[in-house]
Every structure is written in C-alpha cells, then in structure tokens.
PDB file of N, CA and C in Angstrom:
ATOM      1  N   MET A   1      21.992 -27.465 -37.111  1.00  0.00           N
ATOM      2  CA  MET A   1      22.712 -28.029 -38.336  1.00  0.00           C
ATOM      3  C   MET A   1      23.237 -26.702 -39.273  1.00  0.00           C
ATOM      4  N   ASP A   2      22.867 -25.654 -39.132  1.00  0.00           N
ATOM      5  CA  ASP A   2      23.579 -24.505 -39.734  1.00  0.00           C
ATOM      6  C   ASP A   2      24.881 -24.318 -39.059  1.00  0.00           C
ATOM      7  N   GLU A   3      25.013 -24.367 -37.799  1.00  0.00           N
ATOM      8  CA  GLU A   3      26.232 -24.029 -37.116  1.00  0.00           C
ATOM      9  C   GLU A   3      27.311 -25.341 -37.537  1.00  0.00           C
ATOM     10  N   ALA A   4      26.690 -26.528 -37.560  1.00  0.00           N
ATOM     11  CA  ALA A   4      27.554 -27.647 -38.022  1.00  0.00           C
ATOM     12  C   ALA A   4      28.131 -27.473 -39.512  1.00  0.00           C
ATOM     13  N   LYS A   5      27.272 -26.956 -40.308  1.00  0.00           N
ATOM     14  CA  LYS A   5      27.742 -26.700 -41.697  1.00  0.00           C
ATOM     15  C   LYS A   5      28.826 -25.528 -41.729  1.00  0.00           C
ATOM     16  N   ALA A   6      28.604 -24.486 -41.046  1.00  0.00           N
ATOM     17  CA  ALA A   6      29.438 -23.433 -40.974  1.00  0.00           C
ATOM     18  C   ALA A   6      30.791 -23.927 -40.493  1.00  0.00           C
ATOM     19  N   PHE A   7      30.726 -24.873 -39.377  1.00  0.00           N
ATOM     20  CA  PHE A   7      32.079 -25.267 -38.839  1.00  0.00           C
ATOM     21  C   PHE A   7      32.767 -26.227 -39.872  1.00  0.00           C
ATOM     22  N   ALA A   8      31.938 -26.965 -40.719  1.00  0.00           N
ATOM     23  CA  ALA A   8      32.677 -27.834 -41.658  1.00  0.00           C
ATOM     24  C   ALA A   8      33.036 -27.145 -42.910  1.00  0.00           C
ATOM     25  N   ARG A   9      32.538 -26.026 -43.251  1.00  0.00           N
ATOM     26  CA  ARG A   9      33.072 -25.098 -44.330  1.00  0.00           C
ATOM     27  C   ARG A   9      34.355 -24.655 -44.002  1.00  0.00           C
ATOM     28  N   LYS A  10      34.854 -24.430 -42.795  1.00  0.00           N
ATOM     29  CA  LYS A  10      36.301 -23.965 -42.401  1.00  0.00           C
ATOM     30  C   LYS A  10      37.231 -24.895 -42.872  1.00  0.00           C
ATOM     31  N   PHE A  11      36.854 -26.326 -43.150  1.00  0.00           N
ATOM     32  CA  PHE A  11      37.915 -27.157 -43.747  1.00  0.00           C
ATOM     33  C   PHE A  11      38.086 -27.192 -45.110  1.00  0.00           C
ATOM     34  N   ASN A  12      37.112 -26.428 -45.952  1.00  0.00           N
ATOM     35  CA  ASN A  12      37.291 -26.421 -47.474  1.00  0.00           C
ATOM     36  C   ASN A  12      38.522 -25.901 -47.850  1.00  0.00           C
ATOM     37  N   ASP A  13      39.120 -24.763 -47.275  1.00  0.00           N
ATOM     38  CA  ASP A  13      40.338 -24.227 -47.688  1.00  0.00           C
ATOM     39  C   ASP A  13      41.631 -24.848 -47.312  1.00  0.00           C
ATOM     40  N   LEU A  14      41.518 -25.780 -46.512  1.00  0.00           N
ATOM     41  CA  LEU A  14      42.650 -26.614 -45.851  1.00  0.00           C
ATOM     42  C   LEU A  14      43.231 -27.488 -46.845  1.00  0.00           C
ATOM     43  N   PRO A  15      44.611 -27.855 -46.738  1.00  0.00           N
ATOM     44  CA  PRO A  15      45.074 -29.017 -47.512  1.00  0.00           C
ATOM     45  C   PRO A  15      44.447 -30.167 -47.173  1.00  0.00           C
ATOM     46  N   LEU A  16      43.979 -30.770 -48.285  1.00  0.00           N
ATOM     47  CA  LEU A  16      43.158 -32.291 -48.183  1.00  0.00           C
ATOM     48  C   LEU A  16      43.850 -33.072 -47.541  1.00  0.00           C
ATOM     49  N   LEU A  17      45.260 -33.437 -47.960  1.00  0.00           N
ATOM     50  CA  LEU A  17      46.018 -34.412 -47.352  1.00  0.00           C
ATOM     51  C   LEU A  17      46.194 -34.295 -45.821  1.00  0.00           C
ATOM     52  N   ALA A  18      46.424 -33.108 -45.415  1.00  0.00           N
ATOM     53  CA  ALA A  18      46.651 -32.818 -44.055  1.00  0.00           C
ATOM     54  C   ALA A  18      45.421 -32.999 -43.174  1.00  0.00           C
ATOM     55  N   VAL A  19      44.204 -32.762 -43.743  1.00  0.00           N
ATOM     56  CA  VAL A  19      43.047 -32.973 -43.050  1.00  0.00           C
ATOM     57  C   VAL A  19      42.712 -34.436 -42.832  1.00  0.00           C
ATOM     58  N   GLN A  20      43.004 -35.128 -44.137  1.00  0.00           N
ATOM     59  CA  GLN A  20      42.729 -36.755 -44.066  1.00  0.00           C
ATOM     60  C   GLN A  20      43.607 -37.424 -42.950  1.00  0.00           C
ATOM     61  N   ILE A  21      44.928 -36.986 -43.156  1.00  0.00           N
ATOM     62  CA  ILE A  21      45.882 -37.711 -42.255  1.00  0.00           C
ATOM     63  C   ILE A  21      45.645 -37.347 -40.731  1.00  0.00           C
ATOM     64  N   GLY A  22      45.268 -36.043 -40.510  1.00  0.00           N
ATOM     65  CA  GLY A  22      45.161 -35.560 -39.119  1.00  0.00           C
ATOM     66  C   GLY A  22      43.899 -36.298 -38.525  1.00  0.00           C
ATOM     67  N   LYS A  23      42.868 -36.536 -39.380  1.00  0.00           N
ATOM     68  CA  LYS A  23      41.779 -37.190 -38.965  1.00  0.00           C
ATOM     69  C   LYS A  23      41.953 -38.744 -38.715  1.00  0.00           C
ATOM     70  N   ALA A  24      42.755 -39.386 -39.715  1.00  0.00           N
ATOM     71  CA  ALA A  24      43.134 -40.626 -39.488  1.00  0.00           C
ATOM     72  C   ALA A  24      43.980 -40.871 -38.098  1.00  0.00           C
ATOM     73  N   ILE A  25      44.880 -39.949 -37.798  1.00  0.00           N
ATOM     74  CA  ILE A  25      45.806 -40.058 -36.646  1.00  0.00           C
ATOM     75  C   ILE A  25      44.903 -39.843 -35.406  1.00  0.00           C
ATOM     76  N   MET A  26      43.935 -38.951 -35.412  1.00  0.00           N
ATOM     77  CA  MET A  26      43.043 -38.806 -34.306  1.00  0.00           C
ATOM     78  C   MET A  26      42.171 -39.998 -34.010  1.00  0.00           C
ATOM     79  N   ASP A  27      41.717 -40.533 -35.228  1.00  0.00           N
ATOM     80  CA  ASP A  27      40.823 -41.693 -34.978  1.00  0.00           C
ATOM     81  C   ASP A  27      41.741 -42.810 -34.508  1.00  0.00           C
ATOM     82  N   THR A  28      42.861 -43.156 -34.798  1.00  0.00           N
ATOM     83  CA  THR A  28      43.624 -44.091 -34.499  1.00  0.00           C
ATOM     84  C   THR A  28      44.296 -43.973 -33.111  1.00  0.00           C
ATOM     85  N   GLY A  29      44.743 -42.832 -33.036  1.00  0.00           N
ATOM     86  CA  GLY A  29      45.512 -42.483 -31.702  1.00  0.00           C
ATOM     87  C   GLY A  29      44.723 -42.389 -30.534  1.00  0.00           C
ATOM     88  N   ILE A  30      43.468 -42.233 -30.556  1.00  0.00           N
ATOM     89  CA  ILE A  30      42.625 -42.195 -29.464  1.00  0.00           C
ATOM     90  C   ILE A  30      42.680 -43.416 -28.501  1.00  0.00           C
ATOM     91  N   ASN A  31      42.873 -44.525 -29.218  1.00  0.00           N
ATOM     92  CA  ASN A  31      42.881 -45.807 -28.501  1.00  0.00           C
ATOM     93  C   ASN A  31      44.294 -46.426 -28.335  1.00  0.00           C
ATOM     94  N   MET A  32      45.351 -45.544 -28.281  1.00  0.00           N
ATOM     95  CA  MET A  32      46.693 -45.801 -28.164  1.00  0.00           C
ATOM     96  C   MET A  32      47.177 -45.296 -26.844  1.00  0.00           C
ATOM     97  N   SER A  33      48.332 -45.925 -26.473  1.00  0.00           N
ATOM     98  CA  SER A  33      49.102 -45.154 -25.279  1.00  0.00           C
ATOM     99  C   SER A  33      49.667 -43.825 -25.701  1.00  0.00           C
ATOM    100  N   LEU A  34      49.866 -43.023 -24.795  1.00  0.00           N
ATOM    101  CA  LEU A  34      50.478 -41.602 -25.218  1.00  0.00           C
ATOM    102  C   LEU A  34      51.665 -41.797 -26.057  1.00  0.00           C
ATOM    103  N   LYS A  35      52.542 -42.601 -25.600  1.00  0.00           N
ATOM    104  CA  LYS A  35      53.796 -42.892 -26.313  1.00  0.00           C
ATOM    105  C   LYS A  35      53.515 -43.242 -27.742  1.00  0.00           C
ATOM    106  N   ASP A  36      52.706 -44.222 -27.963  1.00  0.00           N
ATOM    107  CA  ASP A  36      52.457 -44.627 -29.342  1.00  0.00           C
ATOM    108  C   ASP A  36      51.684 -43.676 -30.185  1.00  0.00           C
ATOM    109  N   ALA A  37      50.800 -42.895 -29.578  1.00  0.00           N
ATOM    110  CA  ALA A  37      50.082 -41.751 -30.272  1.00  0.00           C
ATOM    111  C   ALA A  37      50.940 -40.839 -30.670  1.00  0.00           C
ATOM    112  N   LEU A  38      51.984 -40.397 -29.823  1.00  0.00           N
ATOM    113  CA  LEU A  38      52.878 -39.333 -30.274  1.00  0.00           C
ATOM    114  C   LEU A  38      53.752 -39.646 -31.380  1.00  0.00           C
ATOM    115  N   GLU A  39      54.211 -41.079 -31.365  1.00  0.00           N
ATOM    116  CA  GLU A  39      54.949 -41.592 -32.523  1.00  0.00           C
ATOM    117  C   GLU A  39      54.183 -41.632 -33.743  1.00  0.00           C
ATOM    118  N   LEU A  40      52.786 -41.913 -33.654  1.00  0.00           N
ATOM    119  CA  LEU A  40      51.974 -41.871 -34.966  1.00  0.00           C
ATOM    120  C   LEU A  40      51.848 -40.488 -35.352  1.00  0.00           C
ATOM    121  N   GLU A  41      51.777 -39.474 -34.530  1.00  0.00           N
ATOM    122  CA  GLU A  41      51.713 -38.095 -34.959  1.00  0.00           C
ATOM    123  C   GLU A  41      53.052 -37.677 -35.466  1.00  0.00           C
ATOM    124  N   ARG A  42      54.112 -37.990 -34.935  1.00  0.00           N
ATOM    125  CA  ARG A  42      55.412 -37.726 -35.578  1.00  0.00           C
ATOM    126  C   ARG A  42      55.547 -38.226 -36.987  1.00  0.00           C
ATOM    127  N   LEU A  43      55.108 -39.506 -37.261  1.00  0.00           N
ATOM    128  CA  LEU A  43      55.282 -40.040 -38.545  1.00  0.00           C
ATOM    129  C   LEU A  43      54.148 -39.346 -39.517  1.00  0.00           C
ATOM    130  N   GLY A  44      52.979 -39.008 -38.908  1.00  0.00           N
ATOM    131  CA  GLY A  44      52.222 -38.283 -39.863  1.00  0.00           C
ATOM    132  C   GLY A  44      52.669 -36.763 -40.228  1.00  0.00           C
ATOM    133  N   PHE A  45      53.349 -36.151 -39.200  1.00  0.00           N
ATOM    134  CA  PHE A  45      53.962 -34.843 -39.617  1.00  0.00           C
ATOM    135  C   PHE A  45      55.251 -35.050 -40.585  1.00  0.00           C
ATOM    136  N   SER A  46      55.999 -36.070 -40.309  1.00  0.00           N
ATOM    137  CA  SER A  46      57.017 -36.364 -41.263  1.00  0.00           C
ATOM    138  C   SER A  46      56.568 -36.480 -42.663  1.00  0.00           C
ATOM    139  N   LEU A  47      55.542 -37.210 -42.781  1.00  0.00           N
ATOM    140  CA  LEU A  47      54.891 -37.510 -44.218  1.00  0.00           C
ATOM    141  C   LEU A  47      54.373 -36.241 -44.815  1.00  0.00           C
ATOM    142  N   LEU A  48      53.653 -35.442 -43.870  1.00  0.00           N
ATOM    143  CA  LEU A  48      53.022 -34.322 -44.641  1.00  0.00           C
ATOM    144  C   LEU A  48      54.083 -33.218 -44.732  1.00  0.00           C
ATOM    145  N   TYR A  49      55.110 -33.160 -44.193  1.00  0.00           N
ATOM    146  CA  TYR A  49      56.144 -32.183 -44.357  1.00  0.00           C
ATOM    147  C   TYR A  49      56.696 -32.115 -45.679  1.00  0.00           C
ATOM    148  N   SER A  50      56.719 -33.273 -46.385  1.00  0.00           N
ATOM    149  CA  SER A  50      57.441 -33.598 -47.634  1.00  0.00           C
ATOM    150  C   SER A  50      56.417 -33.324 -48.822  1.00  0.00           C
ATOM    151  N   THR A  51      55.260 -32.925 -48.594  1.00  0.00           N
ATOM    152  CA  THR A  51      54.155 -32.667 -49.599  1.00  0.00           C
ATOM    153  C   THR A  51      54.401 -31.289 -50.269  1.00  0.00           C
ATOM    154  N   ASP A  52      53.963 -31.084 -51.447  1.00  0.00           N
ATOM    155  CA  ASP A  52      53.802 -29.967 -52.343  1.00  0.00           C
ATOM    156  C   ASP A  52      52.996 -28.854 -51.571  1.00  0.00           C
ATOM    157  N   ASP A  53      51.952 -29.386 -50.861  1.00  0.00           N
ATOM    158  CA  ASP A  53      51.012 -28.501 -50.136  1.00  0.00           C
ATOM    159  C   ASP A  53      51.652 -27.776 -48.963  1.00  0.00           C
ATOM    160  N   GLN A  54      52.705 -28.499 -48.346  1.00  0.00           N
ATOM    161  CA  GLN A  54      53.510 -27.845 -47.226  1.00  0.00           C
ATOM    162  C   GLN A  54      54.341 -26.805 -47.764  1.00  0.00           C
ATOM    163  N   LYS A  55      54.947 -26.997 -48.969  1.00  0.00           N
ATOM    164  CA  LYS A  55      55.724 -26.146 -49.554  1.00  0.00           C
ATOM    165  C   LYS A  55      54.986 -24.891 -50.012  1.00  0.00           C
ATOM    166  N   GLU A  56      53.800 -25.085 -50.637  1.00  0.00           N
ATOM    167  CA  GLU A  56      52.863 -24.055 -50.982  1.00  0.00           C
ATOM    168  C   GLU A  56      52.466 -23.223 -49.719  1.00  0.00           C
ATOM    169  N   GLY A  57      52.130 -23.860 -48.755  1.00  0.00           N
ATOM    170  CA  GLY A  57      51.718 -23.033 -47.397  1.00  0.00           C
ATOM    171  C   GLY A  57      52.902 -22.164 -46.991  1.00  0.00           C
ATOM    172  N   LEU A  58      54.019 -22.590 -46.794  1.00  0.00           N
ATOM    173  CA  LEU A  58      55.010 -21.850 -46.447  1.00  0.00           C
ATOM    174  C   LEU A  58      55.376 -20.759 -47.319  1.00  0.00           C
ATOM    175  N   LYS A  59      55.175 -21.034 -48.673  1.00  0.00           N
ATOM    176  CA  LYS A  59      55.603 -19.954 -49.703  1.00  0.00           C
ATOM    177  C   LYS A  59      54.409 -18.893 -49.551  1.00  0.00           C
ATOM    178  N   ALA A  60      53.373 -19.322 -49.640  1.00  0.00           N
ATOM    179  CA  ALA A  60      52.242 -18.314 -49.466  1.00  0.00           C
ATOM    180  C   ALA A  60      52.313 -17.482 -48.145  1.00  0.00           C
ATOM    181  N   PHE A  61      52.611 -18.196 -46.986  1.00  0.00           N
ATOM    182  CA  PHE A  61      52.847 -17.244 -45.756  1.00  0.00           C
ATOM    183  C   PHE A  61      53.843 -16.324 -45.896  1.00  0.00           C
ATOM    184  N   LEU A  62      54.971 -16.754 -46.508  1.00  0.00           N
ATOM    185  CA  LEU A  62      56.092 -15.780 -46.622  1.00  0.00           C
ATOM    186  C   LEU A  62      55.795 -14.654 -47.570  1.00  0.00           C
ATOM    187  N   GLU A  63      54.876 -14.892 -48.559  1.00  0.00           N
ATOM    188  CA  GLU A  63      54.650 -13.959 -49.561  1.00  0.00           C
ATOM    189  C   GLU A  63      53.337 -13.196 -49.334  1.00  0.00           C
ATOM    190  N   LYS A  64      52.697 -13.443 -48.094  1.00  0.00           N
ATOM    191  CA  LYS A  64      51.486 -12.843 -47.478  1.00  0.00           C
ATOM    192  C   LYS A  64      50.397 -12.966 -48.337  1.00  0.00           C
ATOM    193  N   ARG A  65      50.099 -14.033 -48.927  1.00  0.00           N
ATOM    194  CA  ARG A  65      49.064 -14.458 -49.813  1.00  0.00           C
ATOM    195  C   ARG A  65      48.335 -15.680 -49.412  1.00  0.00           C
ATOM    196  N   PRO A  66      47.030 -15.881 -49.953  1.00  0.00           N
ATOM    197  CA  PRO A  66      46.449 -17.071 -49.659  1.00  0.00           C
ATOM    198  C   PRO A  66      47.006 -18.203 -50.274  1.00  0.00           C
ATOM    199  N   PRO A  67      47.035 -19.443 -49.725  1.00  0.00           N
ATOM    200  CA  PRO A  67      47.695 -20.674 -50.357  1.00  0.00           C
ATOM    201  C   PRO A  67      46.704 -21.245 -51.311  1.00  0.00           C
ATOM    202  N   GLN A  68      47.268 -21.709 -52.368  1.00  0.00           N
ATOM    203  CA  GLN A  68      46.533 -22.476 -53.394  1.00  0.00           C
ATOM    204  C   GLN A  68      46.996 -23.962 -53.381  1.00  0.00           C
ATOM    205  N   PHE A  69      46.227 -24.691 -52.361  1.00  0.00           N
ATOM    206  CA  PHE A  69      46.577 -26.179 -52.174  1.00  0.00           C
ATOM    207  C   PHE A  69      46.006 -26.906 -53.297  1.00  0.00           C
ATOM    208  N   LYS A  70      46.965 -28.024 -53.564  1.00  0.00           N
ATOM    209  CA  LYS A  70      46.615 -28.897 -54.752  1.00  0.00           C
ATOM    210  C   LYS A  70      46.275 -30.363 -54.345  1.00  0.00           C
ATOM    211  N   GLY A  71      46.488 -30.712 -53.051  1.00  0.00           N
ATOM    212  CA  GLY A  71      46.193 -32.092 -52.615  1.00  0.00           C
ATOM    213  C   GLY A  71      47.301 -32.902 -52.952  1.00  0.00           C
ATOM    214  N   ARG A  72      48.582 -32.433 -53.059  1.00  0.00           N
ATOM    215  CA  ARG A  72      49.741 -33.380 -53.325  1.00  0.00           C
ATOM    216  C   ARG A  72      50.825 -32.956 -52.300  1.00  0.00           C
TER     217      ARG A  72
END
C-alpha cells in the first residue's frame, strides 16, 4: 500500500486536465482499433495543447522553474 500511495503522489503536481483526459483516452482506447485509438489520442492532444496549463508548462520549462498548473 505504501508503494501504491507513493506512485499516486507522483500525479499530484501534474496538470489535472492532462491526467483526466489521458486516463479517459487510455480507458476508452484500450477497446478500439489502433487506428481509432490513435485518432482519439490526436484529438486529446489537440484539446490539451490549447490549455493555459500547456502554456504554463512550456513557459516554466523555458524559464527553468517548476510549473504552477491551475487546471485550465
């Protein structure tokens, strides 16, 4: 249980929208053909690329600082 909790804590600092959409894509895509699953992944990427969190992540990377994600 301690190992599972330590693994789960790694997700605390990640952008919430990306984690939620990534999980939904994996849950749905597992039952799809590869072609359809890749299309679903592309749509998820397109959606996430337009978020404020994506912009913050890139800006933080370029400024060599930890990102401050807001879930938007």
